[in-house]
């Protein structure tokens, strides 16, 4: 069995949690995760990391024998068919950073819920989501990954 922990704020020991995590902070977080006995890490919204930072993080993962399990995408799935192209473009950096970090799973999120939406609008939204999810799954499969949906509505 594998156990993991999110890199963004594992134990409140990294200081100001409002600061953007760069490679140095992520690597420190990974050390805390490994010291706590976990064997996998989840990355929260790592699209701001450069290629070089991802390389140094992967080296630290290897050194600590941690698995890069998942990465959360910052942008949501489309709320409507008109949002498909924008969603695909906005989600591409998340797929790229997940690949660079060696993650097995990219976690995407719903665009929220509209309780006043008609059945037709919900059906159109589902179709838009499925279209984007298929594209993301193909992209993830190219690097041996998968896509998971959190909070689907």
Foldseek 3Di string as FASTA:
>chain_A
DADEEEQQCGDVPQPDSVDDDELVSSLVSVVVGLVVPGAEYEYEAPLVYDLVSLVVNLVSCVVSNHHHAEYEQPDAQDQALVCLVVRLVSRVSQLVSCLSNRYQEYEHEHPDDDPPDDPVSVVRRVVSRVVNQVVSQVSSVVSNHGYHYDHHD
